[in-house]
Amino acid sequence: MSVSVHHPASSVRQLCMRLAAINRSGKRLLMCVADGVALPLCLVLAMMVITGGMPPWPAALLLTALSISALTIASLYGAALRQLEQRTLILAGMALGAAVVALYLLTRDGAVARIPGPVLAMYWPLAMLYLIASRAGMRALLRSLLHQQVPPPTDAASRRLPDFAPEQLLGRAPVQPDSALFARCVRGKNVLVTGAGGSIGSELCRQIAGLGPHCLHLVDHSEFALYTIAQELRARWPQLVLHAHLGSVCSERMLERVMHGAAIHTIYHAAAYKHVSIVETNMVEGLRNNVVGARNVAAAATRHGVHTCVLVSSDKAVRPSTIMGASKRLSELVFQAAQDDGAGVTTFSMVRFGNVLGSSGSVVPLFRQQLQQGGPLTITDAAMERYFMLIPEAAQLVIQAGAMAEGGEVFVLDMGAPLRIVDLARRMIALAGLTERTPRNPQGDIDIRYVGLCPGEKLQEELLTADGAIPSRHPRILCMKEQALPAAQLDQYLELLLVACASNDRWLIEAMLKTIISEFTPQTGVRATDSEAALRRLRVPPLAAVPPVAIHAS
């Protein structure tokens, strides 16, 4: 026969859990009942201390009723008093003082047994001591037995999250670089990285610096970002010949100054605006920076006889639905046209990324910040999914793509199956040592909240616009060549796009983008048939229909 032993601590814990589960109104009612018993007892205790005996019963009954009235006033501060802030303590003390004065005035005429002033003076500190001790004691008990369950805002802001590697969020093994390819366009070469201070650009610089280049040139329009990466590289590789250039790739003169006499062998063009929502609401600057920058870099590479020029693109360039995605597809078309033009010795190629974990545009920094603040984690849709890669994987892909390129290819990393954003959020919650708050687990730590899709946002992203992707020399890197526009026609289109940008007319800009990129699906519903109307508004005759150049994978 077995005998179960019920431990007293377990009963106390269960009682505390039941108390914690009571809603706010119920807790306030319990507090009123407890104070309604304790505050009159404080008055009796004060009488006994001062007079050495019990008060007359009629007076005690009256004082009990008056004490309960005082409790009603004090209970208005009950919820705030749990935090024991100085302001709320002062308010509660004033309310209790008012009750004491009311007791004195009501009893001094002798209608009932008179309460001596010293008794009332003793009652006030006793009652205050009870109010503070009862709230603080209950809070400490709940903390120690339940380990807050939900930290108050003041604690959530100061919570220190444990560090965890991005690899723990990836859901697959990182792709290792091919050492035979890795250094081909870097070792002993003069290398230029644009956007060198960004997430991808700075990692490119680190990878390149470790491969022994002859000279490394950095370009960025952010002074702080450029200074930060330059200082890091000089500290880690003191023998590295390094030149940091402050300026925008939209400036042809700046690029000419950088490249004149530098004998650049390899360019990695990572400079771009990439935040979808920012570019969507600042479309003119987004298009100018990304498209004009790509055109300037490609032209400078051709003019100065650069051997290899690699564009860092995005999966959002595939059937784009946003201005940012369209700007990246246009940048790809610029590099494809530069290759097709064949005016120089430069080999142009492009690399498309999925979401890069830990980069400034990734959801990971956002989720970390939201976890730090106690939640909720905000997700657009439960079905949202993305391809993910690590920052080192992204930089290594760019370097290896340049080594494998024969001209005009698009390279993508085989990143396996896409990852649902909600699964990523839950993984981060678990790695932080917390639990998700759900209807089944109402005592969880962190909520996940769905906020709806942003304009132009897709539930799933793609990496390829056409069929026929083939393996490359690296087993996890795919290669394909897509249709391109002839350089002369693309130049005409881009000039017209810049005219449209000068008008800041969204419909006109999107109509021109639709003219250039047939698969573009803008938010205003511009159709392919609107292209002629756009051209008429620009006061130019319709362009001659020139079929795209079909470039097939080699």
Protein backbone atom coordinates (compact mmCIF):
# COMPACT_ATOMS: atom_id res chain seq x y z
CA MET A 1 0.00 0.00 0.00
CA SER A 2 1.55 3.28 -1.09
CA VAL A 3 1.13 6.45 0.89
CA SER A 4 1.38 9.80 -0.89
CA VAL A 5 3.07 12.55 1.05
CA HIS A 6 1.75 16.05 0.33
CA HIS A 7 4.59 18.51 0.85
CA PRO A 8 3.53 21.83 2.46
CA ALA A 9 5.65 23.83 -0.02
CA SER A 10 3.69 22.32 -2.89
CA SER A 11 0.41 23.51 -1.36
CA VAL A 12 1.79 27.01 -0.89
CA ARG A 13 3.01 27.05 -4.50
CA GLN A 14 -0.38 25.94 -5.78
CA LEU A 15 -2.08 28.61 -3.67
CA CYS A 16 0.26 31.28 -5.07
CA MET A 17 -0.37 30.09 -8.62
CA ARG A 18 -4.11 30.35 -8.03
CA LEU A 19 -3.69 33.86 -6.64
CA ALA A 20 -1.56 34.87 -9.65
CA ALA A 21 -4.21 33.53 -12.02
CA ILE A 22 -6.98 35.70 -10.53
CA ASN A 23 -7.90 38.69 -12.70
CA ARG A 24 -7.26 42.26 -11.60
CA SER A 25 -10.78 42.91 -10.29
CA GLY A 26 -10.69 39.74 -8.22
CA LYS A 27 -7.30 40.66 -6.76
CA ARG A 28 -8.59 44.12 -5.87
CA LEU A 29 -11.59 42.59 -4.07
CA LEU A 30 -9.34 40.25 -2.08
CA MET A 31 -7.14 43.21 -1.15
CA CYS A 32 -10.14 45.19 0.07
CA VAL A 33 -11.31 42.28 2.22
CA ALA A 34 -7.84 41.74 3.71
CA ASP A 35 -7.38 45.46 4.39
CA GLY A 36 -10.89 45.70 5.83
CA VAL A 37 -9.85 43.21 8.51
CA ALA A 38 -6.27 44.37 9.06
CA LEU A 39 -6.72 48.16 9.26
CA PRO A 40 -9.25 48.08 12.15
CA LEU A 41 -6.88 45.69 13.95
CA CYS A 42 -4.10 48.28 13.48
CA LEU A 43 -6.35 50.83 15.24
CA VAL A 44 -7.05 48.41 18.10
CA LEU A 45 -3.29 47.76 18.39
CA ALA A 46 -2.59 51.50 18.54
CA MET A 47 -5.22 51.86 21.33
CA MET A 48 -3.64 49.05 23.31
CA VAL A 49 -0.14 50.50 22.95
CA ILE A 50 -1.15 54.02 24.02
CA THR A 51 -3.86 53.33 26.68
CA GLY A 52 -2.84 49.90 27.83
CA GLY A 53 -6.34 48.49 27.32
CA MET A 54 -9.09 47.70 24.83
CA PRO A 55 -11.33 50.49 23.47
CA PRO A 56 -15.06 50.51 24.37
CA TRP A 57 -16.99 48.24 22.06
CA PRO A 58 -19.40 50.88 20.71
CA ALA A 59 -16.49 53.04 19.71
CA ALA A 60 -14.64 50.05 18.27
CA LEU A 61 -17.59 49.20 16.06
CA LEU A 62 -17.84 52.75 14.82
CA LEU A 63 -14.12 52.97 14.24
CA THR A 64 -14.22 49.70 12.34
CA ALA A 65 -16.77 51.16 9.96
CA LEU A 66 -14.74 54.34 9.56
CA SER A 67 -11.58 52.31 8.99
CA ILE A 68 -13.29 50.41 6.21
CA SER A 69 -14.22 53.78 4.66
CA ALA A 70 -10.58 54.78 4.89
CA LEU A 71 -9.70 51.48 3.24
CA THR A 72 -11.92 52.37 0.28
CA ILE A 73 -9.88 55.52 -0.27
CA ALA A 74 -6.57 53.71 0.14
CA SER A 75 -7.62 50.88 -2.17
CA LEU A 76 -7.70 53.32 -5.07
CA TYR A 77 -3.90 53.12 -4.95
CA GLY A 78 -3.72 49.38 -4.33
CA ALA A 79 -2.67 48.32 -7.82
CA ALA A 80 -0.05 51.06 -8.13
CA LEU A 81 1.21 50.42 -4.58
CA ARG A 82 2.47 47.00 -5.69
CA GLN A 83 5.34 48.73 -7.44
CA LEU A 84 6.18 50.67 -4.25
CA GLU A 85 7.05 53.81 -6.15
CA GLN A 86 7.68 56.99 -4.15
CA ARG A 87 4.78 58.86 -5.73
CA THR A 88 2.22 56.15 -5.01
CA LEU A 89 3.45 55.79 -1.44
CA ILE A 90 2.96 59.52 -0.91
CA LEU A 91 -0.55 59.35 -2.33
CA ALA A 92 -1.46 56.36 -0.16
CA GLY A 93 -0.02 58.11 2.92
CA MET A 94 -2.06 61.23 2.20
CA ALA A 95 -5.24 59.16 1.78
CA LEU A 96 -4.61 57.37 5.06
CA GLY A 97 -3.82 60.69 6.78
CA ALA A 98 -7.13 62.08 5.56
CA ALA A 99 -8.90 59.05 7.08
CA VAL A 100 -7.12 59.64 10.41
CA VAL A 101 -8.18 63.30 10.46
CA ALA A 102 -11.76 62.26 9.64
CA LEU A 103 -11.72 59.80 12.57
CA TYR A 104 -10.47 62.54 14.92
CA LEU A 105 -13.09 65.07 13.84
CA LEU A 106 -15.95 62.58 14.09
CA THR A 107 -15.03 61.45 17.61
CA ARG A 108 -13.92 64.68 19.32
CA ASP A 109 -17.51 65.93 20.06
CA GLY A 110 -18.03 63.09 22.55
CA ALA A 111 -21.00 61.53 20.76
CA VAL A 112 -19.08 58.29 20.97
CA ALA A 113 -16.06 57.23 22.94
CA ARG A 114 -13.37 59.80 22.14
CA ILE A 115 -10.23 58.51 20.44
CA PRO A 116 -7.17 60.20 21.89
CA GLY A 117 -4.95 62.03 19.46
CA PRO A 118 -1.86 59.94 20.39
CA VAL A 119 -3.80 56.78 19.44
CA LEU A 120 -4.58 58.20 16.01
CA ALA A 121 -0.98 59.36 15.67
CA MET A 122 0.16 55.78 16.38
CA TYR A 123 -2.48 54.32 14.04
CA TRP A 124 -1.13 56.13 10.95
CA PRO A 125 2.42 54.61 10.93
CA LEU A 126 1.07 51.18 11.90
CA ALA A 127 -1.41 51.23 9.01
CA MET A 128 1.25 52.47 6.57
CA LEU A 129 3.65 49.77 7.73
CA TYR A 130 0.96 47.17 7.13
CA LEU A 131 0.13 48.48 3.65
CA ILE A 132 3.78 48.45 2.55
CA ALA A 133 4.68 45.13 4.19
CA SER A 134 1.62 43.31 2.86
CA ARG A 135 2.23 44.37 -0.75
CA ALA A 136 5.98 43.84 -0.67
CA GLY A 137 5.67 40.52 1.11
CA MET A 138 3.11 39.15 -1.35
CA ARG A 139 5.18 40.28 -4.31
CA ALA A 140 8.34 38.68 -2.92
CA LEU A 141 6.48 35.45 -2.15
CA LEU A 142 5.06 35.18 -5.65
CA ARG A 143 8.48 35.89 -7.17
CA SER A 144 10.29 33.29 -5.10
CA LEU A 145 7.72 30.52 -5.56
CA LEU A 146 6.70 31.10 -9.17
CA HIS A 147 10.13 32.23 -10.46
CA GLN A 148 6.88 37.38 -11.86
CA GLN A 149 6.00 34.52 -14.93
CA VAL A 150 5.59 37.71 -16.84
CA PRO A 151 8.23 40.34 -15.98
CA PRO A 152 7.03 43.91 -15.48
CA PRO A 153 8.09 46.44 -18.10
CA THR A 154 10.90 47.79 -15.92
CA ASP A 155 12.47 44.31 -15.75
CA ALA A 156 11.86 43.40 -19.39
CA ALA A 157 13.83 46.38 -20.61
CA SER A 158 16.88 45.34 -18.58
CA ARG A 159 16.73 41.61 -19.38
CA ARG A 160 19.97 40.28 -20.85
CA LEU A 161 19.34 37.74 -23.57
CA PRO A 162 21.77 34.85 -23.92
CA ASP A 163 24.04 34.98 -26.94
CA PHE A 164 23.31 32.42 -29.66
CA ALA A 165 24.98 31.88 -32.99
CA PRO A 166 23.05 32.59 -36.21
CA GLU A 167 23.81 28.99 -37.22
CA GLN A 168 21.34 27.88 -34.56
CA LEU A 169 18.56 29.68 -36.45
CA LEU A 170 19.49 28.46 -39.93
CA GLY A 171 17.92 24.99 -39.81
CA ARG A 172 20.67 23.50 -42.01
CA ALA A 173 24.44 23.05 -42.09
CA PRO A 174 26.36 26.11 -43.36
CA VAL A 175 27.69 25.81 -46.92
CA GLN A 176 31.49 25.57 -46.97
CA PRO A 177 33.48 27.49 -49.62
CA ASP A 178 35.59 25.82 -52.30
CA SER A 179 39.17 26.76 -51.44
CA ALA A 180 40.26 26.37 -55.08
CA LEU A 181 37.76 29.06 -56.14
CA PHE A 182 37.90 31.28 -53.14
CA ALA A 183 41.11 33.23 -53.69
CA ARG A 184 41.22 33.32 -57.51
CA CYS A 185 39.97 36.89 -57.93
CA VAL A 186 41.45 38.21 -54.68
CA ARG A 187 44.91 36.94 -53.78
CA GLY A 188 47.54 39.35 -55.01
CA LYS A 189 44.86 41.49 -56.72
CA ASN A 190 43.72 45.08 -56.35
CA VAL A 191 40.13 44.77 -55.10
CA LEU A 192 37.36 47.36 -54.74
CA VAL A 193 34.28 46.86 -52.52
CA THR A 194 31.40 49.35 -52.74
CA GLY A 195 29.03 49.60 -49.80
CA ALA A 196 31.99 48.43 -47.71
CA GLY A 197 30.44 49.54 -44.42
CA GLY A 198 27.21 47.55 -44.79
CA SER A 199 26.40 44.09 -43.45
CA ILE A 200 27.44 42.24 -46.62
CA GLY A 201 30.10 44.72 -47.71
CA SER A 202 31.93 44.65 -44.38
CA GLU A 203 31.96 40.83 -44.31
CA LEU A 204 33.25 40.83 -47.89
CA CYS A 205 36.09 43.06 -46.72
CA ARG A 206 36.95 40.69 -43.86
CA GLN A 207 36.96 37.65 -46.13
CA ILE A 208 39.05 39.44 -48.76
CA ALA A 209 41.54 40.78 -46.22
CA GLY A 210 42.21 37.23 -45.04
CA LEU A 211 42.97 36.06 -48.59
CA GLY A 212 46.01 38.25 -49.14
CA PRO A 213 45.00 40.95 -51.69
CA HIS A 214 47.64 43.30 -53.02
CA CYS A 215 45.47 46.29 -52.14
CA LEU A 216 41.90 46.75 -50.88
CA HIS A 217 39.81 49.84 -51.71
CA LEU A 218 36.68 50.60 -49.69
CA VAL A 219 33.85 52.88 -50.86
CA ASP A 220 30.88 53.93 -48.71
CA HIS A 221 28.75 57.07 -48.40
CA SER A 222 28.42 56.65 -44.60
CA GLU A 223 31.41 58.20 -42.82
CA PHE A 224 30.82 56.25 -39.61
CA ALA A 225 30.35 52.90 -41.37
CA LEU A 226 33.48 53.48 -43.47
CA TYR A 227 35.54 54.50 -40.43
CA THR A 228 34.34 51.49 -38.43
CA ILE A 229 35.24 48.84 -41.00
CA ALA A 230 38.54 50.55 -41.91
CA GLN A 231 39.61 50.62 -38.25
CA GLU A 232 38.68 46.97 -37.79
CA LEU A 233 40.60 45.83 -40.87
CA ARG A 234 43.71 47.81 -39.94
CA ALA A 235 43.68 46.35 -36.44
CA ARG A 236 43.25 42.74 -37.60
CA TRP A 237 45.47 42.89 -40.70
CA PRO A 238 48.11 45.56 -40.03
CA GLN A 239 50.09 44.64 -43.18
CA LEU A 240 47.05 45.15 -45.43
CA VAL A 241 47.32 48.01 -47.93
CA LEU A 242 43.99 49.75 -47.44
CA HIS A 243 42.35 52.84 -48.94
CA ALA A 244 39.02 54.13 -47.60
CA HIS A 245 37.05 56.38 -49.99
CA LEU A 246 34.08 58.41 -48.76
CA GLY A 247 31.40 58.96 -51.41
CA SER A 248 28.38 57.64 -53.28
CA VAL A 249 28.49 55.33 -56.28
CA CYS A 250 26.00 57.73 -57.88
CA SER A 251 28.96 60.08 -58.40
CA GLU A 252 30.84 59.23 -61.59
CA ARG A 253 33.60 61.66 -60.62
CA MET A 254 34.16 59.94 -57.27
CA LEU A 255 34.44 56.54 -58.95
CA GLU A 256 36.84 57.99 -61.53
CA ARG A 257 39.06 59.40 -58.76
CA VAL A 258 39.08 56.06 -56.95
CA MET A 259 39.89 53.95 -60.00
CA HIS A 260 42.23 56.26 -61.88
CA GLY A 261 45.68 54.70 -61.71
CA ALA A 262 44.58 52.07 -59.16
CA ALA A 263 44.65 49.17 -61.66
CA ILE A 264 41.61 47.53 -60.06
CA HIS A 265 41.29 43.84 -60.97
CA THR A 266 38.07 42.94 -59.14
CA ILE A 267 34.99 44.90 -58.06
CA TYR A 268 32.31 43.64 -55.66
CA HIS A 269 29.37 46.04 -55.91
CA ALA A 270 27.39 45.77 -52.66
CA ALA A 271 26.27 49.41 -52.33
CA ALA A 272 22.48 49.68 -52.45
CA TYR A 273 19.41 50.75 -50.55
CA LYS A 274 17.72 47.50 -49.54
CA HIS A 275 15.00 48.17 -46.94
CA VAL A 276 11.75 47.49 -48.80
CA SER A 277 9.48 49.84 -46.84
CA ILE A 278 11.96 52.73 -46.93
CA VAL A 279 12.59 52.44 -50.67
CA GLU A 280 8.85 52.04 -51.32
CA THR A 281 8.15 55.43 -49.75
CA ASN A 282 11.34 57.03 -51.15
CA MET A 283 11.18 55.53 -54.62
CA VAL A 284 13.06 58.26 -56.48
CA GLU A 285 16.14 58.11 -54.26
CA GLY A 286 15.95 54.32 -54.11
CA LEU A 287 15.91 53.98 -57.90
CA ARG A 288 18.65 56.56 -58.43
CA ASN A 289 20.95 55.06 -55.84
CA ASN A 290 20.51 51.43 -56.90
CA VAL A 291 20.16 51.76 -60.67
CA VAL A 292 22.37 54.75 -61.42
CA GLY A 293 24.95 53.39 -58.98
CA ALA A 294 25.02 50.04 -60.78
CA ARG A 295 25.29 51.76 -64.17
CA ASN A 296 28.18 53.96 -62.97
CA VAL A 297 30.07 51.01 -61.50
CA ALA A 298 29.58 48.90 -64.64
CA ALA A 299 30.70 51.77 -66.89
CA ALA A 300 33.77 52.47 -64.74
CA ALA A 301 34.69 48.78 -64.73
CA THR A 302 34.53 48.66 -68.55
CA ARG A 303 36.39 51.93 -68.95
CA HIS A 304 39.27 50.91 -66.66
CA GLY A 305 39.62 47.34 -67.88
CA VAL A 306 38.54 45.63 -64.64
CA HIS A 307 38.76 41.84 -64.99
CA THR A 308 35.81 40.82 -62.78
CA CYS A 309 32.77 42.80 -61.60
CA VAL A 310 30.14 41.13 -59.38
CA LEU A 311 26.75 42.65 -58.46
CA VAL A 312 25.15 41.82 -55.12
CA SER A 313 21.45 41.42 -55.95
CA SER A 314 18.38 40.10 -54.11
CA ASP A 315 15.71 37.43 -54.39
CA LYS A 316 13.25 40.36 -54.46
CA ALA A 317 14.46 41.03 -58.02
CA VAL A 318 12.54 37.93 -59.14
CA ARG A 319 9.07 38.95 -60.43
CA PRO A 320 9.38 42.13 -58.34
CA SER A 321 6.38 43.60 -56.57
CA THR A 322 8.16 46.51 -54.87
CA ILE A 323 10.27 49.45 -55.99
CA MET A 324 13.27 47.97 -54.22
CA GLY A 325 12.86 44.65 -56.03
CA ALA A 326 12.42 46.44 -59.35
CA SER A 327 15.55 48.51 -58.72
CA LYS A 328 17.58 45.34 -58.12
CA ARG A 329 16.23 43.70 -61.30
CA LEU A 330 17.15 46.85 -63.22
CA SER A 331 20.64 46.66 -61.72
CA GLU A 332 20.88 43.09 -63.00
CA LEU A 333 19.78 44.23 -66.46
CA VAL A 334 22.50 46.90 -66.37
CA PHE A 335 25.19 44.30 -65.65
CA GLN A 336 23.76 41.92 -68.25
CA ALA A 337 23.76 44.69 -70.87
CA ALA A 338 27.33 45.62 -69.97
CA GLN A 339 28.35 42.01 -70.59
CA ASP A 340 26.39 41.78 -73.82
CA ASP A 341 27.87 45.04 -75.08
CA GLY A 342 31.27 43.37 -75.17
CA ALA A 343 33.11 46.70 -75.30
CA GLY A 344 35.72 45.67 -72.78
CA VAL A 345 37.48 42.77 -71.11
CA THR A 346 35.34 42.80 -67.97
CA THR A 347 33.42 39.70 -66.92
CA PHE A 348 30.14 40.74 -65.29
CA SER A 349 28.04 38.46 -63.06
CA MET A 350 25.32 38.73 -60.44
CA VAL A 351 24.58 37.03 -57.12
CA ARG A 352 21.08 36.75 -55.67
CA PHE A 353 20.61 36.43 -51.94
CA GLY A 354 17.78 35.31 -49.78
CA ASN A 355 17.46 36.91 -46.36
CA VAL A 356 20.79 37.16 -44.59
CA LEU A 357 20.59 36.28 -40.90
CA GLY A 358 21.95 39.03 -38.71
CA SER A 359 22.21 41.68 -41.43
CA SER A 360 20.70 45.11 -40.87
CA GLY A 361 17.70 44.15 -43.03
CA SER A 362 17.06 40.80 -41.34
CA VAL A 363 14.21 40.04 -38.94
CA VAL A 364 16.72 38.66 -36.42
CA PRO A 365 17.84 42.05 -35.00
CA LEU A 366 14.19 43.10 -34.84
CA PHE A 367 13.19 39.94 -32.97
CA ARG A 368 16.12 40.34 -30.56
CA GLN A 369 15.03 43.89 -29.78
CA GLN A 370 11.44 42.79 -29.26
CA LEU A 371 12.56 39.94 -26.99
CA GLN A 372 14.67 42.43 -25.02
CA GLN A 373 11.56 44.56 -24.50
CA GLY A 374 9.42 41.63 -23.38
CA GLY A 375 7.59 41.16 -26.71
CA PRO A 376 5.48 40.79 -28.67
CA LEU A 377 7.31 39.45 -31.72
CA THR A 378 5.57 40.92 -34.77
CA ILE A 379 5.11 38.83 -37.93
CA THR A 380 3.18 39.84 -41.01
CA ASP A 381 1.50 36.48 -41.68
CA ALA A 382 1.59 32.95 -40.27
CA ALA A 383 2.32 31.57 -43.76
CA MET A 384 5.23 33.94 -44.45
CA GLU A 385 8.42 32.07 -45.38
CA ARG A 386 11.85 33.05 -46.63
CA TYR A 387 15.16 31.55 -47.72
CA PHE A 388 17.90 32.31 -45.22
CA MET A 389 21.68 32.35 -45.33
CA LEU A 390 24.50 33.46 -43.04
CA ILE A 391 26.52 36.63 -43.58
CA PRO A 392 29.75 34.63 -44.17
CA GLU A 393 27.90 32.39 -46.64
CA ALA A 394 26.71 35.47 -48.52
CA ALA A 395 30.19 37.00 -48.73
CA GLN A 396 31.77 33.68 -49.78
CA LEU A 397 29.10 33.24 -52.46
CA VAL A 398 29.96 36.64 -53.95
CA ILE A 399 33.69 35.87 -54.03
CA GLN A 400 33.24 32.41 -55.53
CA ALA A 401 30.72 33.66 -58.12
CA GLY A 402 33.34 36.04 -59.48
CA ALA A 403 35.80 33.18 -59.80
CA MET A 404 33.34 30.96 -61.71
CA ALA A 405 31.75 33.61 -63.94
CA GLU A 406 32.13 33.45 -67.71
CA GLY A 407 29.91 36.47 -68.32
CA GLY A 408 26.29 37.44 -67.61
CA GLU A 409 25.44 34.62 -65.21
CA VAL A 410 23.19 34.83 -62.18
CA PHE A 411 24.42 32.75 -59.23
CA VAL A 412 22.25 31.63 -56.32
CA LEU A 413 23.00 29.54 -53.27
CA ASP A 414 21.12 26.29 -52.80
CA MET A 415 19.68 27.13 -49.39
CA GLY A 416 17.43 24.10 -49.03
CA ALA A 417 13.80 24.55 -48.06
CA PRO A 418 12.54 28.01 -47.08
CA LEU A 419 11.97 28.66 -43.38
CA ARG A 420 8.68 29.94 -41.98
CA ILE A 421 9.19 33.25 -40.17
CA VAL A 422 6.97 32.09 -37.29
CA ASP A 423 9.22 29.04 -36.83
CA LEU A 424 12.25 31.34 -36.72
CA ALA A 425 10.51 33.47 -34.09
CA ARG A 426 9.69 30.42 -31.96
CA ARG A 427 13.27 29.18 -32.27
CA MET A 428 14.57 32.53 -31.01
CA ILE A 429 12.11 32.50 -28.10
CA ALA A 430 13.31 29.03 -27.10
CA LEU A 431 17.00 29.93 -27.47
CA ALA A 432 16.40 32.93 -25.21
CA GLY A 433 15.17 30.54 -22.51
CA LEU A 434 11.59 31.80 -22.76
CA THR A 435 8.22 30.33 -23.75
CA GLU A 436 5.56 31.50 -26.17
CA ARG A 437 2.32 32.78 -24.63
CA THR A 438 -0.62 31.00 -26.27
CA PRO A 439 -4.22 30.10 -25.32
CA ARG A 440 -2.88 26.73 -24.20
CA ASN A 441 -0.02 28.38 -22.31
CA PRO A 442 -1.40 31.67 -20.93
CA GLN A 443 1.47 31.92 -18.45
CA GLY A 444 4.08 32.02 -21.26
CA ASP A 445 6.59 34.84 -21.55
CA ILE A 446 6.32 36.21 -25.11
CA ASP A 447 3.40 36.82 -27.48
CA ILE A 448 3.63 36.39 -31.26
CA ARG A 449 1.44 38.92 -33.01
CA TYR A 450 0.43 38.94 -36.69
CA VAL A 451 0.30 42.45 -38.16
CA GLY A 452 -0.56 41.87 -41.85
CA LEU A 453 1.43 42.10 -45.07
CA CYS A 454 3.21 45.34 -45.96
CA PRO A 455 2.55 46.87 -49.41
CA GLY A 456 4.16 44.70 -52.07
CA GLU A 457 5.29 42.04 -49.62
CA LYS A 458 5.06 38.42 -50.75
CA LEU A 459 4.32 35.36 -48.65
CA GLN A 460 7.06 33.45 -50.51
CA GLU A 461 10.13 34.73 -52.34
CA GLU A 462 11.81 33.18 -55.39
CA LEU A 463 15.42 33.06 -56.51
CA LEU A 464 15.06 32.27 -60.23
CA THR A 465 12.95 33.95 -62.92
CA ALA A 466 13.33 31.18 -65.50
CA ASP A 467 13.80 27.45 -65.72
CA GLY A 468 17.07 25.79 -66.52
CA ALA A 469 19.24 26.49 -63.49
CA ILE A 470 22.28 24.25 -63.61
CA PRO A 471 24.94 23.26 -61.08
CA SER A 472 28.14 25.24 -61.10
CA ARG A 473 31.64 24.18 -60.12
CA HIS A 474 30.48 24.42 -56.51
CA PRO A 475 27.95 21.69 -55.58
CA ARG A 476 25.73 24.09 -53.59
CA ILE A 477 25.81 27.05 -55.99
CA LEU A 478 23.38 27.17 -58.93
CA CYS A 479 23.98 29.11 -62.13
CA MET A 480 21.69 30.42 -64.84
CA LYS A 481 21.55 33.03 -67.56
CA GLU A 482 18.39 35.01 -68.10
CA GLN A 483 17.00 37.18 -70.84
CA ALA A 484 18.65 40.59 -71.17
CA LEU A 485 17.88 43.84 -72.98
CA PRO A 486 20.28 45.23 -75.61
CA ALA A 487 22.51 47.93 -74.13
CA ALA A 488 21.24 50.68 -76.47
CA GLN A 489 17.58 50.01 -75.68
CA LEU A 490 18.24 49.75 -71.94
CA ASP A 491 20.08 53.09 -72.00
CA GLN A 492 17.03 54.71 -73.63
CA TYR A 493 14.72 53.20 -71.05
CA LEU A 494 16.88 54.30 -68.13
CA GLU A 495 17.05 57.87 -69.39
CA LEU A 496 13.26 57.94 -69.63
CA LEU A 497 12.99 56.43 -66.15
CA LEU A 498 15.15 59.24 -64.78
CA VAL A 499 12.87 61.78 -66.48
CA ALA A 500 9.91 60.06 -64.80
CA CYS A 501 11.77 60.17 -61.46
CA ALA A 502 12.22 63.92 -61.87
CA SER A 503 8.41 64.24 -61.91
CA ASN A 504 8.07 62.24 -58.67
CA ASP A 505 4.86 60.82 -60.17
CA ARG A 506 4.39 57.31 -58.80
CA TRP A 507 2.05 56.17 -61.59
CA LEU A 508 4.45 57.41 -64.26
CA ILE A 509 7.48 55.83 -62.56
CA GLU A 510 5.74 52.49 -62.12
CA ALA A 511 4.49 52.59 -65.72
CA MET A 512 8.07 53.07 -66.93
CA LEU A 513 9.28 50.24 -64.70
CA LYS A 514 6.52 48.04 -66.14
CA THR A 515 7.70 48.99 -69.63
CA ILE A 516 11.22 47.79 -68.82
CA ILE A 517 10.36 44.84 -66.55
CA SER A 518 7.27 43.07 -67.85
CA GLU A 519 7.00 40.82 -64.77
CA PHE A 520 6.86 43.83 -62.40
CA THR A 521 3.56 43.93 -60.45
CA PRO A 522 3.32 47.39 -58.86
CA GLN A 523 0.91 48.37 -56.10
CA THR A 524 -1.00 50.90 -58.21
CA GLY A 525 -2.05 48.18 -60.67
CA VAL A 526 -0.15 49.63 -63.63
CA ARG A 527 -0.46 47.28 -66.61
CA ALA A 528 1.74 46.60 -69.60
CA THR A 529 -0.75 48.49 -71.81
CA ASP A 530 -0.02 51.63 -69.80
CA SER A 531 3.52 51.83 -71.15
CA GLU A 532 2.55 53.79 -74.28
CA ALA A 533 0.54 56.21 -72.14
CA ALA A 534 3.63 56.68 -69.98
CA LEU A 535 5.75 57.41 -73.02
CA ARG A 536 3.18 59.93 -74.31
CA ARG A 537 3.25 61.69 -70.96
CA LEU A 538 7.02 61.87 -71.27
CA ARG A 539 6.47 63.46 -74.73
CA VAL A 540 8.55 60.95 -76.65
CA PRO A 541 7.47 58.62 -79.46
CA PRO A 542 7.03 54.92 -78.60
CA LEU A 543 10.30 53.01 -78.70
CA ALA A 544 10.85 50.51 -81.46
CA ALA A 545 10.07 47.02 -80.23
CA VAL A 546 13.40 45.27 -79.79
CA PRO A 547 13.21 41.64 -78.67
CA PRO A 548 15.24 40.76 -75.58
CA VAL A 549 18.51 38.97 -76.07
CA ALA A 550 18.08 35.33 -75.13
CA ILE A 551 21.15 34.18 -73.27
CA HIS A 552 21.16 30.47 -72.49
CA ALA A 553 23.06 28.77 -69.72
CA SER A 554 26.37 27.46 -70.94
